[in-house]
Amino acid sequence: MLSHSGGLGRLGLLTVCFTLPVFLGGLLVGPLLDRFDKRYVLAADSVLRGAAVASIPVAAVLGRVPTALPFVVAATYGLLKMVPLAGFPAAIPDLVRAERLDAANALESLGFGLAGMIGPALAGLLLAVVGAETVLVFDAASHALFAWTALAVRRPLGPDRPSAADRVEPGAARAGLAGLLRDRVLVTTTVAFMAFNIAEGMSMVTGPWLARTELPGGPRSLGLLLAALSVGELVGAAASGALSPGAHRIRAMAPGLALLVGTTGVRRAAPGRAVG
């Protein structure tokens, strides 16, 4: 049970298995997308992740889900996480004309945000109705559907052939990296996003605990929590696009981060104690 320390510890380990391979996968995604047709890369990613997800209901039908299997599935998912996150934006310029690129990017972001709202809420509802194994079957089927749609794209999404002028010598690459590390804004922003991702990983652990111990509804509450997260991301993206922070874009992030820290720092008061 998630309310017990052992269950919460296993959930934390599951989150580590999901998040830790993302770095390694991110290093591999760029060369894959640069070398192979993006349709095949995206389809292969979807097939592999769908097979990983389907392994749990298959094992349940056969009699018993091995204890280590959910952790292996989480690690597989994390390793491949960056494939669609990098592959979708990289494929858009090959699919639309230059004058429609901004609109296509906006539609991709909108679709991603809407799916992030609908998916968790629907999963939470289905968990309470049909059970976890059946929900994972639907999840695996959605991966198979995406693989089919990726392969149905008729236009090749092959890699760009670099010209001689585009090739970078090793020494120039090292000098460029040193220059990036001296960029205070870039380094500060990177560290800030790393810290934010650490906090988001923690929320992946505390979310199920809240749904289990503090909120009614169990899986449905967890689905609504994740859907609310996507709603906030969508609203925040729209607000960021509508506002004009001028030259101080980094400072403009501070109020939102302060609000995040303030709201997550509030805990339920025990009898006779103040909230703090």
C-alpha atoms as a PDB file:
ATOM      1  CA  MET A   1       0.000   0.000   0.000  1.00  0.00           C
ATOM      2  CA  LEU A   2       1.253   3.439  -0.851  1.00  0.00           C
ATOM      3  CA  SER A   3       0.490   4.710   2.644  1.00  0.00           C
ATOM      4  CA  HIS A   4       3.139   2.395   4.096  1.00  0.00           C
ATOM      5  CA  SER A   5       6.791   3.367   3.991  1.00  0.00           C
ATOM      6  CA  GLY A   6       7.685   0.238   2.037  1.00  0.00           C
ATOM      7  CA  GLY A   7       5.134   0.957  -0.653  1.00  0.00           C
ATOM      8  CA  LEU A   8       6.217   4.573  -0.902  1.00  0.00           C
ATOM      9  CA  GLY A   9       9.830   3.438  -1.141  1.00  0.00           C
ATOM     10  CA  ARG A  10       8.976   1.102  -4.012  1.00  0.00           C
ATOM     11  CA  LEU A  11       7.140   3.930  -5.732  1.00  0.00           C
ATOM     12  CA  GLY A  12      10.221   6.122  -5.334  1.00  0.00           C
ATOM     13  CA  LEU A  13      12.388   3.366  -6.818  1.00  0.00           C
ATOM     14  CA  LEU A  14       9.924   3.053  -9.707  1.00  0.00           C
ATOM     15  CA  THR A  15      10.262   6.792 -10.328  1.00  0.00           C
ATOM     16  CA  VAL A  16      14.063   6.501 -10.303  1.00  0.00           C
ATOM     17  CA  CYS A  17      13.871   3.651 -12.828  1.00  0.00           C
ATOM     18  CA  PHE A  18      11.728   5.881 -15.032  1.00  0.00           C
ATOM     19  CA  THR A  19      13.745   9.102 -14.758  1.00  0.00           C
ATOM     20  CA  LEU A  20      17.359   7.918 -14.563  1.00  0.00           C
ATOM     21  CA  PRO A  21      17.558   6.372 -18.085  1.00  0.00           C
ATOM     22  CA  VAL A  22      16.134   9.569 -19.644  1.00  0.00           C
ATOM     23  CA  PHE A  23      19.608  11.123 -19.718  1.00  0.00           C
ATOM     24  CA  LEU A  24      21.137   8.172 -21.541  1.00  0.00           C
ATOM     25  CA  GLY A  25      18.199   7.974 -23.931  1.00  0.00           C
ATOM     26  CA  GLY A  26      18.508  11.671 -24.662  1.00  0.00           C
ATOM     27  CA  LEU A  27      22.109  11.204 -25.738  1.00  0.00           C
ATOM     28  CA  LEU A  28      21.114   8.441 -28.163  1.00  0.00           C
ATOM     29  CA  VAL A  29      18.025  10.069 -29.669  1.00  0.00           C
ATOM     30  CA  GLY A  30      19.826  12.810 -31.596  1.00  0.00           C
ATOM     31  CA  PRO A  31      22.085  10.453 -33.589  1.00  0.00           C
ATOM     32  CA  LEU A  32      19.136   8.130 -34.303  1.00  0.00           C
ATOM     33  CA  LEU A  33      16.972  10.936 -35.666  1.00  0.00           C
ATOM     34  CA  ASP A  34      19.902  12.313 -37.666  1.00  0.00           C
ATOM     35  CA  ARG A  35      20.738   8.958 -39.252  1.00  0.00           C
ATOM     36  CA  PHE A  36      17.395   7.240 -39.886  1.00  0.00           C
ATOM     37  CA  ASP A  37      13.958   8.095 -41.238  1.00  0.00           C
ATOM     38  CA  LYS A  38      11.999   9.626 -38.369  1.00  0.00           C
ATOM     39  CA  ARG A  39       8.905   7.597 -39.283  1.00  0.00           C
ATOM     40  CA  TYR A  40      10.708   4.363 -38.543  1.00  0.00           C
ATOM     41  CA  VAL A  41      12.358   5.700 -35.380  1.00  0.00           C
ATOM     42  CA  LEU A  42       9.016   6.880 -33.974  1.00  0.00           C
ATOM     43  CA  ALA A  43       7.264   3.649 -34.977  1.00  0.00           C
ATOM     44  CA  ALA A  44      10.000   1.466 -33.455  1.00  0.00           C
ATOM     45  CA  ASP A  45       9.869   3.491 -30.241  1.00  0.00           C
ATOM     46  CA  SER A  46       6.103   3.050 -30.018  1.00  0.00           C
ATOM     47  CA  VAL A  47       6.287  -0.700 -30.697  1.00  0.00           C
ATOM     48  CA  LEU A  48       8.981  -1.195 -28.053  1.00  0.00           C
ATOM     49  CA  ARG A  49       7.142   0.809 -25.408  1.00  0.00           C
ATOM     50  CA  GLY A  50       3.843  -0.833 -26.266  1.00  0.00           C
ATOM     51  CA  ALA A  51       5.425  -4.272 -25.920  1.00  0.00           C
ATOM     52  CA  ALA A  52       6.930  -3.280 -22.577  1.00  0.00           C
ATOM     53  CA  VAL A  53       3.566  -2.090 -21.269  1.00  0.00           C
ATOM     54  CA  ALA A  54       1.767  -5.162 -22.640  1.00  0.00           C
ATOM     55  CA  SER A  55       4.181  -7.465 -20.806  1.00  0.00           C
ATOM     56  CA  ILE A  56       2.473  -6.705 -17.485  1.00  0.00           C
ATOM     57  CA  PRO A  57      -1.102  -7.763 -18.436  1.00  0.00           C
ATOM     58  CA  VAL A  58       0.340 -10.730 -20.346  1.00  0.00           C
ATOM     59  CA  ALA A  59       2.225 -11.829 -17.231  1.00  0.00           C
ATOM     60  CA  ALA A  60      -0.946 -11.336 -15.164  1.00  0.00           C
ATOM     61  CA  VAL A  61      -2.917 -13.572 -17.542  1.00  0.00           C
ATOM     62  CA  LEU A  62      -0.201 -16.226 -17.337  1.00  0.00           C
ATOM     63  CA  GLY A  63      -0.504 -16.243 -13.565  1.00  0.00           C
ATOM     64  CA  ARG A  64       1.871 -13.849 -11.834  1.00  0.00           C
ATOM     65  CA  VAL A  65       3.577 -10.516 -12.501  1.00  0.00           C
ATOM     66  CA  PRO A  66       7.257 -10.743 -11.502  1.00  0.00           C
ATOM     67  CA  THR A  67       8.203  -8.180  -8.871  1.00  0.00           C
ATOM     68  CA  ALA A  68      10.952  -6.713 -11.043  1.00  0.00           C
ATOM     69  CA  LEU A  69       8.822  -6.393 -14.198  1.00  0.00           C
ATOM     70  CA  PRO A  70       7.216  -2.967 -13.440  1.00  0.00           C
ATOM     71  CA  PHE A  71      10.689  -1.553 -12.781  1.00  0.00           C
ATOM     72  CA  VAL A  72      11.994  -2.926 -16.083  1.00  0.00           C
ATOM     73  CA  VAL A  73       8.993  -1.435 -17.890  1.00  0.00           C
ATOM     74  CA  ALA A  74       9.583   1.933 -16.200  1.00  0.00           C
ATOM     75  CA  ALA A  75      13.267   1.887 -17.198  1.00  0.00           C
ATOM     76  CA  THR A  76      12.358   1.038 -20.799  1.00  0.00           C
ATOM     77  CA  TYR A  77       9.817   3.834 -20.877  1.00  0.00           C
ATOM     78  CA  GLY A  78      12.327   6.320 -19.472  1.00  0.00           C
ATOM     79  CA  LEU A  79      15.071   5.250 -21.879  1.00  0.00           C
ATOM     80  CA  LEU A  80      12.791   5.912 -24.855  1.00  0.00           C
ATOM     81  CA  LYS A  81      11.010   8.963 -23.438  1.00  0.00           C
ATOM     82  CA  MET A  82      12.987  11.483 -25.474  1.00  0.00           C
ATOM     83  CA  VAL A  83      12.277   9.775 -28.814  1.00  0.00           C
ATOM     84  CA  PRO A  84       8.797  11.287 -29.302  1.00  0.00           C
ATOM     85  CA  LEU A  85       9.657  14.481 -27.409  1.00  0.00           C
ATOM     86  CA  ALA A  86      12.492  15.167 -29.851  1.00  0.00           C
ATOM     87  CA  GLY A  87      11.096  13.321 -32.855  1.00  0.00           C
ATOM     88  CA  PHE A  88       7.776  15.177 -33.152  1.00  0.00           C
ATOM     89  CA  PRO A  89       9.249  18.701 -33.351  1.00  0.00           C
ATOM     90  CA  ALA A  90      12.044  17.473 -35.616  1.00  0.00           C
ATOM     91  CA  ALA A  91       9.533  15.935 -38.039  1.00  0.00           C
ATOM     92  CA  ILE A  92       7.251  18.975 -38.348  1.00  0.00           C
ATOM     93  CA  PRO A  93       9.534  21.018 -40.652  1.00  0.00           C
ATOM     94  CA  ASP A  94       9.596  18.047 -43.056  1.00  0.00           C
ATOM     95  CA  LEU A  95       5.786  17.881 -43.142  1.00  0.00           C
ATOM     96  CA  VAL A  96       4.701  21.510 -43.619  1.00  0.00           C
ATOM     97  CA  ARG A  97       5.822  24.513 -45.606  1.00  0.00           C
ATOM     98  CA  ALA A  98       7.933  27.153 -43.901  1.00  0.00           C
ATOM     99  CA  GLU A  99       5.096  29.701 -43.713  1.00  0.00           C
ATOM    100  CA  ARG A 100       2.946  27.196 -41.798  1.00  0.00           C
ATOM    101  CA  LEU A 101       5.634  26.061 -39.396  1.00  0.00           C
ATOM    102  CA  ASP A 102       4.548  28.263 -36.470  1.00  0.00           C
ATOM    103  CA  ALA A 103       0.931  27.124 -36.789  1.00  0.00           C
ATOM    104  CA  ALA A 104       2.004  23.480 -36.989  1.00  0.00           C
ATOM    105  CA  ASN A 105       4.196  23.829 -33.887  1.00  0.00           C
ATOM    106  CA  ALA A 106       1.311  25.451 -32.029  1.00  0.00           C
ATOM    107  CA  LEU A 107      -1.047  22.638 -33.010  1.00  0.00           C
ATOM    108  CA  GLU A 108       1.492  20.038 -31.883  1.00  0.00           C
ATOM    109  CA  SER A 109       1.823  21.740 -28.498  1.00  0.00           C
ATOM    110  CA  LEU A 110      -1.951  22.031 -28.188  1.00  0.00           C
ATOM    111  CA  GLY A 111      -2.472  18.370 -29.058  1.00  0.00           C
ATOM    112  CA  PHE A 112       0.217  17.334 -26.589  1.00  0.00           C
ATOM    113  CA  GLY A 113      -1.389  19.389 -23.824  1.00  0.00           C
ATOM    114  CA  LEU A 114      -4.919  18.137 -24.521  1.00  0.00           C
ATOM    115  CA  ALA A 115      -3.730  14.528 -24.570  1.00  0.00           C
ATOM    116  CA  GLY A 116      -1.977  15.146 -21.260  1.00  0.00           C
ATOM    117  CA  MET A 117      -5.301  16.232 -19.771  1.00  0.00           C
ATOM    118  CA  ILE A 118      -7.503  13.534 -21.289  1.00  0.00           C
ATOM    119  CA  GLY A 119      -5.165  10.566 -20.843  1.00  0.00           C
ATOM    120  CA  PRO A 120      -4.641  10.661 -17.051  1.00  0.00           C
ATOM    121  CA  ALA A 121      -8.273  11.519 -16.319  1.00  0.00           C
ATOM    122  CA  LEU A 122      -9.499   8.678 -18.534  1.00  0.00           C
ATOM    123  CA  ALA A 123      -6.959   6.265 -17.053  1.00  0.00           C
ATOM    124  CA  GLY A 124      -8.054   7.149 -13.521  1.00  0.00           C
ATOM    125  CA  LEU A 125     -11.678   6.499 -14.427  1.00  0.00           C
ATOM    126  CA  LEU A 126     -10.917   3.222 -16.175  1.00  0.00           C
ATOM    127  CA  LEU A 127      -8.716   2.007 -13.319  1.00  0.00           C
ATOM    128  CA  ALA A 128     -11.699   2.119 -11.012  1.00  0.00           C
ATOM    129  CA  VAL A 129     -13.950   0.401 -13.560  1.00  0.00           C
ATOM    130  CA  VAL A 130     -11.916  -2.247 -15.398  1.00  0.00           C
ATOM    131  CA  GLY A 131      -8.689  -2.571 -13.393  1.00  0.00           C
ATOM    132  CA  ALA A 132      -5.018  -1.820 -13.997  1.00  0.00           C
ATOM    133  CA  GLU A 133      -4.265  -4.722 -16.358  1.00  0.00           C
ATOM    134  CA  THR A 134      -7.043  -3.742 -18.791  1.00  0.00           C
ATOM    135  CA  VAL A 135      -5.925  -0.104 -18.734  1.00  0.00           C
ATOM    136  CA  LEU A 136      -2.413  -1.239 -19.673  1.00  0.00           C
ATOM    137  CA  VAL A 137      -3.891  -3.226 -22.574  1.00  0.00           C
ATOM    138  CA  PHE A 138      -5.527  -0.019 -23.835  1.00  0.00           C
ATOM    139  CA  ASP A 139      -2.207   1.781 -23.357  1.00  0.00           C
ATOM    140  CA  ALA A 140      -0.342  -0.836 -25.402  1.00  0.00           C
ATOM    141  CA  ALA A 141      -3.020  -0.640 -28.120  1.00  0.00           C
ATOM    142  CA  SER A 142      -2.573   3.143 -28.308  1.00  0.00           C
ATOM    143  CA  HIS A 143       1.147   2.636 -28.934  1.00  0.00           C
ATOM    144  CA  ALA A 144       0.371   0.173 -31.725  1.00  0.00           C
ATOM    145  CA  LEU A 145      -2.056   2.689 -33.245  1.00  0.00           C
ATOM    146  CA  PHE A 146       0.573   5.408 -33.208  1.00  0.00           C
ATOM    147  CA  ALA A 147       3.157   3.120 -34.821  1.00  0.00           C
ATOM    148  CA  TRP A 148       0.666   2.432 -37.614  1.00  0.00           C
ATOM    149  CA  THR A 149      -0.062   6.137 -38.148  1.00  0.00           C
ATOM    150  CA  ALA A 150       3.665   6.978 -38.188  1.00  0.00           C
ATOM    151  CA  LEU A 151       4.290   4.390 -40.884  1.00  0.00           C
ATOM    152  CA  ALA A 152       1.234   5.628 -42.813  1.00  0.00           C
ATOM    153  CA  VAL A 153       2.960   8.966 -43.467  1.00  0.00           C
ATOM    154  CA  ARG A 154       3.869   8.860 -47.155  1.00  0.00           C
ATOM    155  CA  ARG A 155       6.456  11.622 -47.153  1.00  0.00           C
ATOM    156  CA  PRO A 156       9.949  10.430 -46.162  1.00  0.00           C
ATOM    157  CA  LEU A 157      11.221  12.050 -42.989  1.00  0.00           C
ATOM    158  CA  GLY A 158      14.812  11.189 -43.639  1.00  0.00           C
ATOM    159  CA  PRO A 159      17.854  12.889 -42.163  1.00  0.00           C
ATOM    160  CA  ASP A 160      19.320  16.007 -43.700  1.00  0.00           C
ATOM    161  CA  ARG A 161      22.592  15.391 -45.483  1.00  0.00           C
ATOM    162  CA  PRO A 162      25.181  17.735 -43.950  1.00  0.00           C
ATOM    163  CA  SER A 163      27.331  19.689 -46.341  1.00  0.00           C
ATOM    164  CA  ALA A 164      31.049  20.191 -45.915  1.00  0.00           C
ATOM    165  CA  ALA A 165      30.352  23.609 -44.377  1.00  0.00           C
ATOM    166  CA  ASP A 166      28.113  22.002 -41.747  1.00  0.00           C
ATOM    167  CA  ARG A 167      30.730  19.551 -40.514  1.00  0.00           C
ATOM    168  CA  VAL A 168      32.267  20.541 -37.192  1.00  0.00           C
ATOM    169  CA  GLU A 169      35.836  19.689 -36.323  1.00  0.00           C
ATOM    170  CA  PRO A 170      36.433  18.136 -32.865  1.00  0.00           C
ATOM    171  CA  GLY A 171      38.480  21.131 -31.719  1.00  0.00           C
ATOM    172  CA  ALA A 172      35.773  23.551 -32.747  1.00  0.00           C
ATOM    173  CA  ALA A 173      33.189  21.442 -30.937  1.00  0.00           C
ATOM    174  CA  ARG A 174      35.197  21.574 -27.702  1.00  0.00           C
ATOM    175  CA  ALA A 175      35.648  25.340 -28.047  1.00  0.00           C
ATOM    176  CA  GLY A 176      31.924  25.739 -28.650  1.00  0.00           C
ATOM    177  CA  LEU A 177      31.115  23.689 -25.538  1.00  0.00           C
ATOM    178  CA  ALA A 178      33.472  25.805 -23.444  1.00  0.00           C
ATOM    179  CA  GLY A 179      31.730  28.920 -24.744  1.00  0.00           C
ATOM    180  CA  LEU A 180      28.339  27.504 -23.774  1.00  0.00           C
ATOM    181  CA  LEU A 181      29.570  26.751 -20.246  1.00  0.00           C
ATOM    182  CA  ARG A 182      30.693  30.381 -19.903  1.00  0.00           C
ATOM    183  CA  ASP A 183      27.200  31.607 -20.783  1.00  0.00           C
ATOM    184  CA  ARG A 184      25.754  32.476 -17.364  1.00  0.00           C
ATOM    185  CA  VAL A 185      22.165  32.700 -18.578  1.00  0.00           C
ATOM    186  CA  LEU A 186      22.330  29.305 -20.302  1.00  0.00           C
ATOM    187  CA  VAL A 187      23.979  27.591 -17.329  1.00  0.00           C
ATOM    188  CA  THR A 188      21.577  29.180 -14.834  1.00  0.00           C
ATOM    189  CA  THR A 189      18.552  28.230 -16.912  1.00  0.00           C
ATOM    190  CA  THR A 190      19.806  24.660 -17.301  1.00  0.00           C
ATOM    191  CA  VAL A 191      20.372  24.282 -13.562  1.00  0.00           C
ATOM    192  CA  ALA A 192      16.929  25.773 -12.868  1.00  0.00           C
ATOM    193  CA  PHE A 193      15.258  23.287 -15.183  1.00  0.00           C
ATOM    194  CA  MET A 194      17.230  20.427 -13.631  1.00  0.00           C
ATOM    195  CA  ALA A 195      15.960  21.470 -10.204  1.00  0.00           C
ATOM    196  CA  PHE A 196      12.424  21.739 -11.565  1.00  0.00           C
ATOM    197  CA  ASN A 197      12.639  18.236 -13.031  1.00  0.00           C
ATOM    198  CA  ILE A 198      13.845  16.896  -9.670  1.00  0.00           C
ATOM    199  CA  ALA A 199      10.810  18.491  -8.026  1.00  0.00           C
ATOM    200  CA  GLU A 200       8.554  17.059 -10.727  1.00  0.00           C
ATOM    201  CA  GLY A 201      10.019  13.608 -10.067  1.00  0.00           C
ATOM    202  CA  MET A 202       9.180  14.016  -6.394  1.00  0.00           C
ATOM    203  CA  SER A 203       5.611  14.938  -7.310  1.00  0.00           C
ATOM    204  CA  MET A 204       5.359  11.666  -9.238  1.00  0.00           C
ATOM    205  CA  VAL A 205       5.896   9.915  -5.906  1.00  0.00           C
ATOM    206  CA  THR A 206       3.740  12.133  -3.710  1.00  0.00           C
ATOM    207  CA  GLY A 207       0.831  12.269  -6.185  1.00  0.00           C
ATOM    208  CA  PRO A 208      -0.172   8.612  -5.725  1.00  0.00           C
ATOM    209  CA  TRP A 209       0.324   8.954  -1.963  1.00  0.00           C
ATOM    210  CA  LEU A 210      -2.016  11.953  -1.871  1.00  0.00           C
ATOM    211  CA  ALA A 211      -4.603  10.115  -3.958  1.00  0.00           C
ATOM    212  CA  ARG A 212      -4.362   7.114  -1.628  1.00  0.00           C
ATOM    213  CA  THR A 213      -4.281   8.737   1.797  1.00  0.00           C
ATOM    214  CA  GLU A 214      -5.552  12.310   1.536  1.00  0.00           C
ATOM    215  CA  LEU A 215      -8.119  12.411  -1.266  1.00  0.00           C
ATOM    216  CA  PRO A 216     -11.275  10.381  -1.920  1.00  0.00           C
ATOM    217  CA  GLY A 217     -11.577   8.378  -5.089  1.00  0.00           C
ATOM    218  CA  GLY A 218      -8.213   6.594  -5.281  1.00  0.00           C
ATOM    219  CA  PRO A 219      -7.183   6.125  -8.938  1.00  0.00           C
ATOM    220  CA  ARG A 220      -9.740   8.658 -10.143  1.00  0.00           C
ATOM    221  CA  SER A 221      -8.213  11.301  -7.884  1.00  0.00           C
ATOM    222  CA  LEU A 222      -4.743  10.477  -9.196  1.00  0.00           C
ATOM    223  CA  GLY A 223      -5.984  10.810 -12.761  1.00  0.00           C
ATOM    224  CA  LEU A 224      -7.528  14.180 -11.964  1.00  0.00           C
ATOM    225  CA  LEU A 225      -4.294  15.335 -10.295  1.00  0.00           C
ATOM    226  CA  LEU A 226      -2.270  14.477 -13.396  1.00  0.00           C
ATOM    227  CA  ALA A 227      -4.889  16.041 -15.648  1.00  0.00           C
ATOM    228  CA  ALA A 228      -4.786  19.207 -13.526  1.00  0.00           C
ATOM    229  CA  LEU A 229      -1.004  19.265 -13.987  1.00  0.00           C
ATOM    230  CA  SER A 230      -1.455  19.236 -17.756  1.00  0.00           C
ATOM    231  CA  VAL A 231      -4.129  21.941 -17.523  1.00  0.00           C
ATOM    232  CA  GLY A 232      -1.679  24.117 -15.614  1.00  0.00           C
ATOM    233  CA  GLU A 233       1.040  23.492 -18.196  1.00  0.00           C
ATOM    234  CA  LEU A 234      -1.324  24.388 -21.026  1.00  0.00           C
ATOM    235  CA  VAL A 235      -2.554  27.549 -19.300  1.00  0.00           C
ATOM    236  CA  GLY A 236       1.006  28.519 -18.415  1.00  0.00           C
ATOM    237  CA  ALA A 237       2.160  28.078 -22.002  1.00  0.00           C
ATOM    238  CA  ALA A 238      -0.738  30.198 -23.252  1.00  0.00           C
ATOM    239  CA  ALA A 239      -0.034  32.886 -20.653  1.00  0.00           C
ATOM    240  CA  SER A 240       3.669  32.899 -21.503  1.00  0.00           C
ATOM    241  CA  GLY A 241       2.840  33.412 -25.156  1.00  0.00           C
ATOM    242  CA  ALA A 242       0.341  36.175 -24.425  1.00  0.00           C
ATOM    243  CA  LEU A 243       2.531  38.124 -22.004  1.00  0.00           C
ATOM    244  CA  SER A 244       5.547  40.110 -23.090  1.00  0.00           C
ATOM    245  CA  PRO A 245       8.268  39.867 -20.441  1.00  0.00           C
ATOM    246  CA  GLY A 246      10.689  41.956 -22.497  1.00  0.00           C
ATOM    247  CA  ALA A 247      14.376  41.435 -21.912  1.00  0.00           C
ATOM    248  CA  HIS A 248      13.963  39.943 -18.430  1.00  0.00           C
ATOM    249  CA  ARG A 249      12.500  36.556 -19.347  1.00  0.00           C
ATOM    250  CA  ILE A 250      14.405  34.719 -16.622  1.00  0.00           C
ATOM    251  CA  ARG A 251      13.149  37.132 -13.943  1.00  0.00           C
ATOM    252  CA  ALA A 252       9.616  36.741 -15.287  1.00  0.00           C
ATOM    253  CA  MET A 253       9.756  33.078 -14.269  1.00  0.00           C
ATOM    254  CA  ALA A 254      10.354  33.953 -10.617  1.00  0.00           C
ATOM    255  CA  PRO A 255       6.718  34.694  -9.602  1.00  0.00           C
ATOM    256  CA  GLY A 256       5.539  31.378 -11.003  1.00  0.00           C
ATOM    257  CA  LEU A 257       8.312  29.465  -9.235  1.00  0.00           C
ATOM    258  CA  ALA A 258       7.582  31.307  -5.981  1.00  0.00           C
ATOM    259  CA  LEU A 259       3.906  30.393  -6.279  1.00  0.00           C
ATOM    260  CA  LEU A 260       4.860  26.759  -6.906  1.00  0.00           C
ATOM    261  CA  VAL A 261       7.081  26.646  -3.828  1.00  0.00           C
ATOM    262  CA  GLY A 262       4.449  28.374  -1.692  1.00  0.00           C
ATOM    263  CA  THR A 263       1.584  26.100  -2.669  1.00  0.00           C
ATOM    264  CA  THR A 264       3.529  22.859  -2.367  1.00  0.00           C
ATOM    265  CA  GLY A 265       4.947  23.929   0.982  1.00  0.00           C
ATOM    266  CA  VAL A 266       1.516  24.141   2.602  1.00  0.00           C
ATOM    267  CA  ARG A 267       0.618  20.997   4.490  1.00  0.00           C
ATOM    268  CA  ARG A 268      -2.494  19.970   6.318  1.00  0.00           C
ATOM    269  CA  ALA A 269      -2.505  21.285   9.881  1.00  0.00           C
ATOM    270  CA  ALA A 270      -2.679  18.780  12.696  1.00  0.00           C
ATOM    271  CA  PRO A 271      -5.106  19.515  15.553  1.00  0.00           C
ATOM    272  CA  GLY A 272      -3.787  22.385  17.623  1.00  0.00           C
ATOM    273  CA  ARG A 273      -1.006  23.221  15.148  1.00  0.00           C
ATOM    274  CA  ALA A 274      -0.704  25.965  12.569  1.00  0.00           C
ATOM    275  CA  VAL A 275      -0.254  25.362   8.883  1.00  0.00           C
ATOM    276  CA  GLY A 276       3.347  25.907   7.882  1.00  0.00           C
END
